[in-house]
Amino acid sequence: MVSVINTVDTSHEDMIHDAQMDYYGTRLATCSSDRSVKIFDVKNGGQILVADLRGHEGPVWQVAWAHPMYGNILASCSYDRKVIIWKEENNSWEKMYEYTGHDSSVNSVCWGPYDFGLILACGSSDGAISLLTFSGDQQWEIKKINNAHTIGCNAVSWAPAVVPGSLIDQPSGQKPNYIKRFVSGGCDNLVKLWKEEDGQWKEDQKLEAHSDWVRDVGWAPSIGLPSSTIASCSQDGRVFIWTCDDPSGNTWTAKLLHKFSDVVWHVSWSITGNILAVSGGDNKVTLWKESADGQWACISDINKGQGAVSNEQ
């Protein structure tokens, strides 16, 4: 059973495009077509506006919290072609960095695993993906993958840092094998996997199954088990679960989770990587879980905006 714990009145003056809880679940960041980013303290069911960040000149599509070991840092991306990285210093939020290297709307931002330091992937309608790495002393190193997706990139999501299976295979006392990888989805109907080799980003895999724009991708968190899992959703109404059991990462298989009657905008994994939340144009959020026989089943659905819950066990 799923119930609505808390409703936050954001006072945004236009549509809200994203809402993200921080690592500890005590703060909520929201962004809107009203060009603002807001941060709320939501401890103990309360809602206190902590910051109203103004710096974008167009709708703000997405926000992403960095790992707290680097302080309180939030990234935002907008139709105005900018990525802004905000940092809280002495209870006040300020711009830490502004990236203006894209020629069109920046649709998605995602921080890499904390093991790699502060590294942010940004996907844009200009077809490129930028990687911003903090190199200390207010400096950011920029790497750009041009023509990552023809017509545009809609979403980026990082793989867990630890190579699949290393939890089981690793000799004790030895450091696990880290590898930088992320997944992207685009207007070319493709899901693509990227890997860093010798400091350069290369296309690792191209996954084809969708028949329309891929709207979101999510690489599932991992606890070091041998398989990798990615969810993708599309304008075509379909959600696919991609799995790879092959340690070299070359063979991915697609399983259709569900065909919805409308566009599917977002997919989001639970922290343990075994429950997937899906939201779409039908104004519903549904939660899905894999059963022991490998089939995905809807375990609840929530009508957004009404808080009504029905169970489909």
Protein backbone atom coordinates (compact mmCIF):
# COMPACT_ATOMS: atom_id res chain seq x y z
CA MET A 1 0.00 0.00 0.00
CA VAL A 2 1.31 3.46 -0.88
CA SER A 3 0.14 6.55 0.93
CA VAL A 4 0.85 10.24 0.51
CA ILE A 5 3.11 11.30 3.39
CA ASN A 6 3.39 14.98 2.69
CA THR A 7 2.20 17.63 0.26
CA VAL A 8 4.39 20.66 -0.31
CA ASP A 9 2.91 23.95 -1.47
CA THR A 10 5.84 25.28 -3.49
CA SER A 11 4.23 28.60 -4.53
CA HIS A 12 5.81 28.13 -7.97
CA GLU A 13 3.98 30.32 -10.46
CA ASP A 14 4.04 27.79 -13.30
CA MET A 15 4.42 24.09 -14.00
CA ILE A 16 6.89 22.15 -11.80
CA HIS A 17 9.22 20.00 -13.92
CA ASP A 18 11.29 18.21 -11.28
CA ALA A 19 11.42 17.56 -7.54
CA GLN A 20 14.39 15.85 -5.87
CA MET A 21 15.06 14.90 -2.27
CA ASP A 22 18.61 15.29 -0.98
CA TYR A 23 20.72 12.35 0.22
CA TYR A 24 19.29 12.49 3.76
CA GLY A 25 15.67 13.01 2.70
CA THR A 26 15.40 16.23 4.72
CA ARG A 27 15.48 18.75 1.88
CA LEU A 28 13.47 19.01 -1.31
CA ALA A 29 14.58 20.92 -4.42
CA THR A 30 11.99 21.88 -7.05
CA CYS A 31 12.24 23.68 -10.40
CA SER A 32 9.66 25.24 -12.64
CA SER A 33 8.75 27.06 -15.84
CA ASP A 34 8.68 30.18 -13.65
CA ARG A 35 12.51 30.09 -14.02
CA SER A 36 13.17 29.49 -10.34
CA VAL A 37 14.72 26.71 -8.27
CA LYS A 38 13.39 26.35 -4.72
CA ILE A 39 14.77 24.44 -1.76
CA PHE A 40 12.54 23.38 1.13
CA ASP A 41 13.36 21.93 4.53
CA VAL A 42 10.89 19.04 4.82
CA LYS A 43 12.05 17.54 8.14
CA ASN A 44 9.34 16.06 10.39
CA GLY A 45 6.59 16.68 7.85
CA GLY A 46 7.21 20.43 7.79
CA GLN A 47 7.94 22.63 4.79
CA ILE A 48 10.13 25.67 5.20
CA LEU A 49 11.37 27.55 2.14
CA VAL A 50 15.15 27.70 2.57
CA ALA A 51 16.12 29.26 -0.76
CA ASP A 52 14.55 30.71 -3.91
CA LEU A 53 17.32 30.59 -6.52
CA ARG A 54 17.07 32.93 -9.49
CA GLY A 55 19.65 32.72 -12.25
CA HIS A 56 17.96 30.99 -15.17
CA GLU A 57 16.25 32.90 -17.98
CA GLY A 58 13.89 30.13 -19.11
CA PRO A 59 12.02 27.08 -17.80
CA VAL A 60 14.19 24.96 -15.48
CA TRP A 61 13.83 21.31 -16.44
CA GLN A 62 15.82 19.35 -13.87
CA VAL A 63 17.71 19.57 -10.58
CA ALA A 64 20.28 17.17 -9.09
CA TRP A 65 21.89 17.00 -5.64
CA ALA A 66 25.59 16.16 -5.35
CA HIS A 67 26.74 13.72 -2.65
CA PRO A 68 26.88 15.49 0.76
CA MET A 69 30.54 14.61 1.28
CA TYR A 70 31.19 17.60 -1.05
CA GLY A 71 28.90 19.94 0.88
CA ASN A 72 25.40 21.09 -0.06
CA ILE A 73 25.58 21.38 -3.85
CA LEU A 74 22.72 21.43 -6.35
CA ALA A 75 22.84 21.52 -10.17
CA SER A 76 20.04 22.88 -12.36
CA CYS A 77 19.55 22.97 -16.15
CA SER A 78 17.28 25.06 -18.31
CA TYR A 79 15.83 25.92 -21.68
CA ASP A 80 18.13 28.99 -21.50
CA ARG A 81 21.06 26.68 -22.50
CA LYS A 82 22.69 27.06 -19.09
CA VAL A 83 23.70 24.70 -16.31
CA ILE A 84 24.06 26.37 -12.91
CA ILE A 85 25.79 24.72 -9.96
CA TRP A 86 24.66 26.18 -6.64
CA LYS A 87 26.41 25.77 -3.28
CA GLU A 88 25.32 26.54 0.26
CA GLU A 89 27.95 28.43 2.26
CA ASN A 90 27.16 29.78 5.75
CA ASN A 91 23.40 29.14 5.34
CA SER A 92 23.28 31.06 2.07
CA TRP A 93 22.99 29.58 -1.44
CA GLU A 94 25.24 31.08 -4.11
CA LYS A 95 26.22 30.27 -7.70
CA MET A 96 29.33 28.10 -7.63
CA TYR A 97 29.62 27.77 -11.42
CA GLU A 98 27.68 28.58 -14.57
CA TYR A 99 28.23 26.49 -17.69
CA THR A 100 27.18 27.98 -21.02
CA GLY A 101 28.76 25.52 -23.46
CA HIS A 102 25.54 24.25 -25.08
CA ASP A 103 23.79 25.75 -28.11
CA SER A 104 20.28 24.70 -27.13
CA SER A 105 18.12 23.70 -24.17
CA VAL A 106 19.89 21.60 -21.50
CA ASN A 107 17.37 18.91 -20.58
CA SER A 108 19.07 16.71 -18.02
CA VAL A 109 21.77 16.86 -15.33
CA CYS A 110 23.07 13.95 -13.26
CA TRP A 111 25.95 13.74 -10.76
CA GLY A 112 28.31 10.79 -11.05
CA PRO A 113 29.01 8.42 -8.13
CA TYR A 114 30.89 10.17 -5.32
CA ASP A 115 33.87 7.84 -5.82
CA PHE A 116 34.81 9.93 -8.90
CA GLY A 117 34.75 13.33 -7.19
CA LEU A 118 32.33 16.01 -8.39
CA ILE A 119 31.44 15.10 -11.97
CA LEU A 120 28.23 16.22 -13.69
CA ALA A 121 26.77 14.88 -16.95
CA CYS A 122 24.55 17.29 -18.92
CA GLY A 123 22.39 16.32 -21.91
CA SER A 124 21.20 18.93 -24.39
CA SER A 125 18.85 19.43 -27.36
CA ASP A 126 21.94 20.38 -29.40
CA GLY A 127 22.73 16.64 -29.44
CA ALA A 128 25.80 16.93 -27.21
CA ILE A 129 26.54 15.64 -23.73
CA SER A 130 28.94 17.63 -21.52
CA LEU A 131 30.88 16.29 -18.55
CA LEU A 132 31.92 18.86 -15.97
CA THR A 133 34.55 17.77 -13.44
CA PHE A 134 35.52 19.90 -10.45
CA SER A 135 39.31 20.12 -10.41
CA GLY A 136 39.58 22.28 -7.27
CA ASP A 137 40.14 25.97 -6.68
CA GLN A 138 36.90 27.04 -8.46
CA GLN A 139 38.04 25.31 -11.69
CA TRP A 140 35.90 22.92 -13.75
CA GLU A 141 37.30 20.72 -16.49
CA ILE A 142 34.96 20.29 -19.47
CA LYS A 143 34.69 17.30 -21.78
CA LYS A 144 32.08 17.21 -24.51
CA ILE A 145 30.61 14.36 -26.55
CA ASN A 146 29.34 16.05 -29.71
CA ASN A 147 26.56 14.37 -31.74
CA ALA A 148 25.82 11.93 -28.91
CA HIS A 149 22.20 11.86 -30.12
CA THR A 150 21.02 13.36 -33.41
CA ILE A 151 18.27 15.98 -32.85
CA GLY A 152 18.91 16.00 -29.10
CA CYS A 153 19.61 14.28 -25.80
CA ASN A 154 16.75 14.12 -23.28
CA ALA A 155 18.22 12.24 -20.32
CA VAL A 156 21.46 11.05 -18.68
CA SER A 157 21.99 8.63 -15.78
CA TRP A 158 25.21 7.28 -14.24
CA ALA A 159 26.09 3.65 -13.68
CA PRO A 160 27.16 2.59 -10.18
CA ALA A 161 30.92 3.06 -9.77
CA VAL A 162 31.69 -0.55 -8.91
CA VAL A 163 31.94 -2.98 -11.81
CA PRO A 164 29.17 -5.63 -11.72
CA GLY A 165 30.16 -8.77 -9.84
CA SER A 166 33.07 -7.17 -7.98
CA LEU A 167 31.29 -7.72 -4.67
CA ILE A 168 31.51 -11.45 -5.26
CA ASP A 169 34.76 -11.75 -7.24
CA GLN A 170 36.93 -9.33 -5.27
CA PRO A 171 39.73 -10.79 -3.15
CA SER A 172 39.36 -9.40 0.35
CA GLY A 173 41.35 -6.27 1.10
CA GLN A 174 41.66 -5.36 -2.57
CA LYS A 175 40.07 -2.16 -3.88
CA PRO A 176 37.07 -2.78 -6.13
CA ASN A 177 37.40 -2.06 -9.82
CA TYR A 178 35.89 1.36 -10.64
CA ILE A 179 34.76 2.35 -14.11
CA LYS A 180 33.05 5.53 -15.35
CA ARG A 181 29.92 4.73 -17.35
CA PHE A 182 26.59 6.39 -17.96
CA VAL A 183 23.48 5.91 -20.09
CA SER A 184 21.68 8.50 -22.24
CA GLY A 185 18.38 8.68 -24.10
CA GLY A 186 17.59 10.81 -27.12
CA CYS A 187 15.32 12.05 -29.90
CA ASP A 188 16.87 9.44 -32.21
CA ASN A 189 14.80 6.79 -30.29
CA LEU A 190 18.06 5.33 -28.97
CA VAL A 191 19.43 4.43 -25.57
CA LYS A 192 23.22 4.73 -25.57
CA LEU A 193 25.88 3.60 -23.10
CA TRP A 194 29.11 5.58 -22.69
CA LYS A 195 32.40 4.56 -21.11
CA GLU A 196 35.56 6.49 -20.29
CA GLU A 197 38.73 4.92 -21.65
CA ASP A 198 42.12 6.60 -21.21
CA GLY A 199 40.46 9.89 -20.34
CA GLN A 200 38.24 9.88 -23.46
CA TRP A 201 34.49 9.18 -23.62
CA LYS A 202 33.48 6.51 -26.12
CA GLU A 203 30.14 5.04 -27.17
CA ASP A 204 30.01 1.59 -25.62
CA GLN A 205 26.58 0.27 -26.68
CA LYS A 206 23.55 1.33 -28.69
CA LEU A 207 20.26 -0.13 -27.44
CA GLU A 208 17.33 -0.14 -29.87
CA ALA A 209 13.72 -0.93 -28.93
CA HIS A 210 11.79 2.34 -28.73
CA SER A 211 9.85 3.69 -31.72
CA ASP A 212 9.76 7.34 -30.59
CA TRP A 213 11.81 9.81 -28.53
CA VAL A 214 13.37 8.34 -25.39
CA ARG A 215 12.27 10.65 -22.58
CA ASP A 216 14.14 9.23 -19.58
CA VAL A 217 16.71 6.61 -18.64
CA GLY A 218 17.68 5.31 -15.21
CA TRP A 219 20.61 3.04 -14.38
CA ALA A 220 19.62 1.00 -11.33
CA PRO A 221 21.72 1.25 -8.16
CA SER A 222 23.77 -1.86 -7.54
CA ILE A 223 25.12 -3.60 -4.48
CA GLY A 224 27.93 -5.23 -6.47
CA LEU A 225 25.89 -8.14 -7.82
CA PRO A 226 26.81 -9.59 -11.23
CA SER A 227 24.07 -8.00 -13.37
CA SER A 228 23.40 -4.44 -14.54
CA THR A 229 19.90 -3.01 -15.05
CA ILE A 230 18.67 0.09 -16.91
CA ALA A 231 15.11 1.39 -17.32
CA SER A 232 14.08 3.53 -20.29
CA CYS A 233 10.80 5.22 -21.15
CA SER A 234 9.55 6.92 -24.27
CA GLN A 235 7.06 9.03 -26.15
CA ASP A 236 5.89 5.67 -27.57
CA GLY A 237 4.28 4.83 -24.19
CA ARG A 238 6.60 1.93 -23.49
CA VAL A 239 8.95 1.23 -20.61
CA PHE A 240 11.78 -1.25 -21.17
CA ILE A 241 14.00 -2.93 -18.59
CA TRP A 242 17.45 -3.65 -20.01
CA THR A 243 19.63 -6.24 -18.28
CA CYS A 244 23.20 -7.38 -18.79
CA ASP A 245 24.58 -10.47 -17.04
CA ASP A 246 27.73 -10.56 -19.10
CA PRO A 247 30.75 -9.20 -17.13
CA SER A 248 32.19 -7.54 -20.27
CA GLY A 249 28.94 -5.53 -20.56
CA ASN A 250 28.39 -6.33 -24.23
CA THR A 251 25.10 -8.24 -24.25
CA TRP A 252 21.97 -6.38 -23.17
CA THR A 253 18.47 -7.81 -23.36
CA ALA A 254 15.27 -5.77 -23.35
CA LYS A 255 12.08 -6.74 -21.55
CA LEU A 256 8.90 -4.71 -22.00
CA LEU A 257 7.71 -3.63 -18.55
CA HIS A 258 4.42 -2.17 -19.79
CA LYS A 259 2.82 -0.33 -22.70
CA PHE A 260 1.03 2.75 -21.36
CA SER A 261 -1.70 4.62 -23.22
CA ASP A 262 0.22 7.91 -23.16
CA VAL A 263 3.78 9.31 -23.21
CA VAL A 264 5.95 8.17 -20.30
CA TRP A 265 8.03 11.04 -18.95
CA HIS A 266 10.10 9.64 -16.10
CA VAL A 267 11.53 6.48 -14.55
CA SER A 268 13.15 6.43 -11.11
CA TRP A 269 14.70 3.56 -9.13
CA SER A 270 14.45 2.97 -5.39
CA ILE A 271 17.76 3.18 -3.52
CA THR A 272 18.03 -0.63 -3.45
CA GLY A 273 17.33 -0.86 -7.19
CA ASN A 274 14.43 -3.31 -6.92
CA ILE A 275 11.41 -0.98 -7.27
CA LEU A 276 10.85 1.30 -10.27
CA ALA A 277 8.59 4.36 -10.20
CA VAL A 278 7.09 5.37 -13.54
CA SER A 279 5.24 8.62 -14.29
CA GLY A 280 3.48 9.57 -17.48
CA GLY A 281 1.01 11.66 -19.40
CA ASP A 282 -1.90 9.79 -17.80
CA ASN A 283 -1.15 11.77 -14.59
CA LYS A 284 -0.30 8.61 -12.69
CA VAL A 285 2.72 7.33 -10.81
CA THR A 286 2.99 3.55 -10.77
CA LEU A 287 5.43 1.38 -8.79
CA TRP A 288 6.79 -1.84 -10.29
CA LYS A 289 8.68 -4.73 -8.75
CA GLU A 290 10.32 -7.81 -10.25
CA SER A 291 8.94 -11.08 -8.95
CA ALA A 292 11.00 -14.23 -8.32
CA ASP A 293 10.15 -15.57 -11.79
CA GLY A 294 11.57 -12.44 -13.46
CA GLN A 295 8.21 -10.86 -14.35
CA TRP A 296 7.55 -7.21 -13.51
CA ALA A 297 4.30 -6.46 -11.70
CA CYS A 298 2.59 -3.24 -10.67
CA ILE A 299 2.50 -3.13 -6.88
CA SER A 300 0.49 0.09 -6.57
CA ASP A 301 -0.57 3.13 -8.48
CA ILE A 302 -1.04 6.66 -7.29
CA ASN A 303 -3.15 9.22 -9.10
CA LYS A 304 -1.00 12.30 -9.07
CA GLY A 305 -2.74 15.28 -7.59
CA GLN A 306 -5.48 13.28 -5.91
CA GLY A 307 -3.52 11.06 -3.58
CA ALA A 308 -5.95 8.22 -4.32
CA VAL A 309 -4.39 4.77 -4.14
CA SER A 310 -5.47 1.48 -5.63
CA ASN A 311 -3.67 -1.81 -5.25
CA GLU A 312 -3.04 -4.19 -8.13
CA GLN A 313 -1.20 -7.00 -6.36
